[in-house]
Amino acid sequence: MVSETITLEGHIIDSLILAKVLDTILQMGGTFDLTEVKIGETREESSLAKIRVRAEAPKLLDEILQTIQPHGATVQHIADCQVEPAPKDGVLPDTFYATPHLPTQVRLKGQWVDVEAIEMDLAIRITQDPPTAHTIPMAEAKKGDLIVVGRTGVRVFPLERPKERDVFGFMEAQVSSERPHQPIITDVAKRMAGIRENRTSHHDPGLGEKVLLVGGPAIVHSGGREAVSWLIQEGYIHTLFCGNALAAHDIEASLFGTSLGFGLCAGRSVPHGHEHHLRTINRVRAAGSIRKAVESGLIKDGIMASCIHHNVEMVLAGSIRDDGPLPGVITDTVQAQTAMRAALPGVGLALLVATTLHAIATGNLLPAKVPSVCVDINPAVPTKLSDRGSFQAVGLVMDSSSFLRQVAQVLGWKG
């Protein structure tokens, strides 16, 4: 048999990290010896465990070490990380290290260096003088960039459970259509209120955390438009990710009182209503931009108008099926991803509501430390987000407008 000694350090007992690592070793066909265990006596003190991992073949041992690394397992022998140059633009070395979305360090010139802008499924580009490390998407790699390869000299830090106990304190995805919603909604609203309070206490609100809403058109269809507008106006939402559809149908509701041709007040389809979103997009394109349409008085209310009036940052990422699209919609998916990535620093809470692709895309872009809640009437959406690796996302299976209206009501909305 072959073996390797790994070290776990931190709050590995109360976060169940030690138990998860040992269980993973056994499930994958390995064995272990606990060569040293030191347990912190208080909540603040960290614990340490040294574990000799054994396997019948080098390949199996490497697979085990690869699987337990995201839990913070570090191979005991210390060496600098290995790097290779990118062979050409947009191509990484074959054995590049693929990042998780957990805090990560690499060892350079004998010292551990934080990897900046951590995100799952990226590579790590380093510079030698001064020693720095930064994540990089594959498409942005340039020939000759020094890219981390293998797993030597890389360590990952699992998230600790926060001292405050709310629904996000468990740091694991939970998806159930039968779980009571109100306690989770109350915790979400409490987080939003705390972020707003922190922002207003700064002389520069931009220095505080922000709430990100990632929304789909069902928010408008199902009656959540007024609640979202109020949340924006009251300073509870600071960044919006959406597609062409949410913006188009929100503006359609302002111009025609319909959403996808369905009368929001009448409760029925209206004659020629299926044309309304097309006529909406055409009018905004004639105005030149959503901002110009709002400032001219063409768009008088709704989510887009509230975003413009309250300087909410918006990233509109399009899809292949879009009509129009509206001006400002980014139709190049790589450019849209870059724009979303640029808007994420400072996000302290992400609400992923009624949108499958945008929710999963955003979950993949977010570091694990950002608490998220994924709300959809279809349980497959939060489940897929969890399966993709966003274990910090709490799943709520419910109607999007009900969620948004209840959050707003907890925060004081009278609608």
Foldseek 3Di string as FASTA:
>chain_A
DDKFKWKDKFACVVLVLVVVLQVLLVVLPKHKDFPDWAPDPDPPDMIMTIIIIGHPDPVSNLVSCVVSQQSFIGTPDADFFDWDWAQAALGRPPQFDFFDLFWKWFAAPRDTETEPLRFGGFWWFFDVVVTHIYTDHSNGGHGGTITGGDCHRMGGHHDQQDPDDAPLSSLFADFDQPDDDVSNLLVVLVVLVVQQVVLVVDPHSVVAFFEEEEDELLCVVVPQFVLLLVCLLVRSHAAYEYAQQNVLQQQLCQQPCDGCQARPVVRGGDVVRNCSSVVSLVVQVVLPALLSCLVVPVRPDTNSNSCNVRVRHYQYEYDPPQPNRHPRHDDDNVVSLVVLLVPPPRHQEYEAEADQPSSLSVLRSHRQNRAYEYEELDSVRSVVSNVVPNGSYYYHNDRRSVSSVSSSVSVPDPD
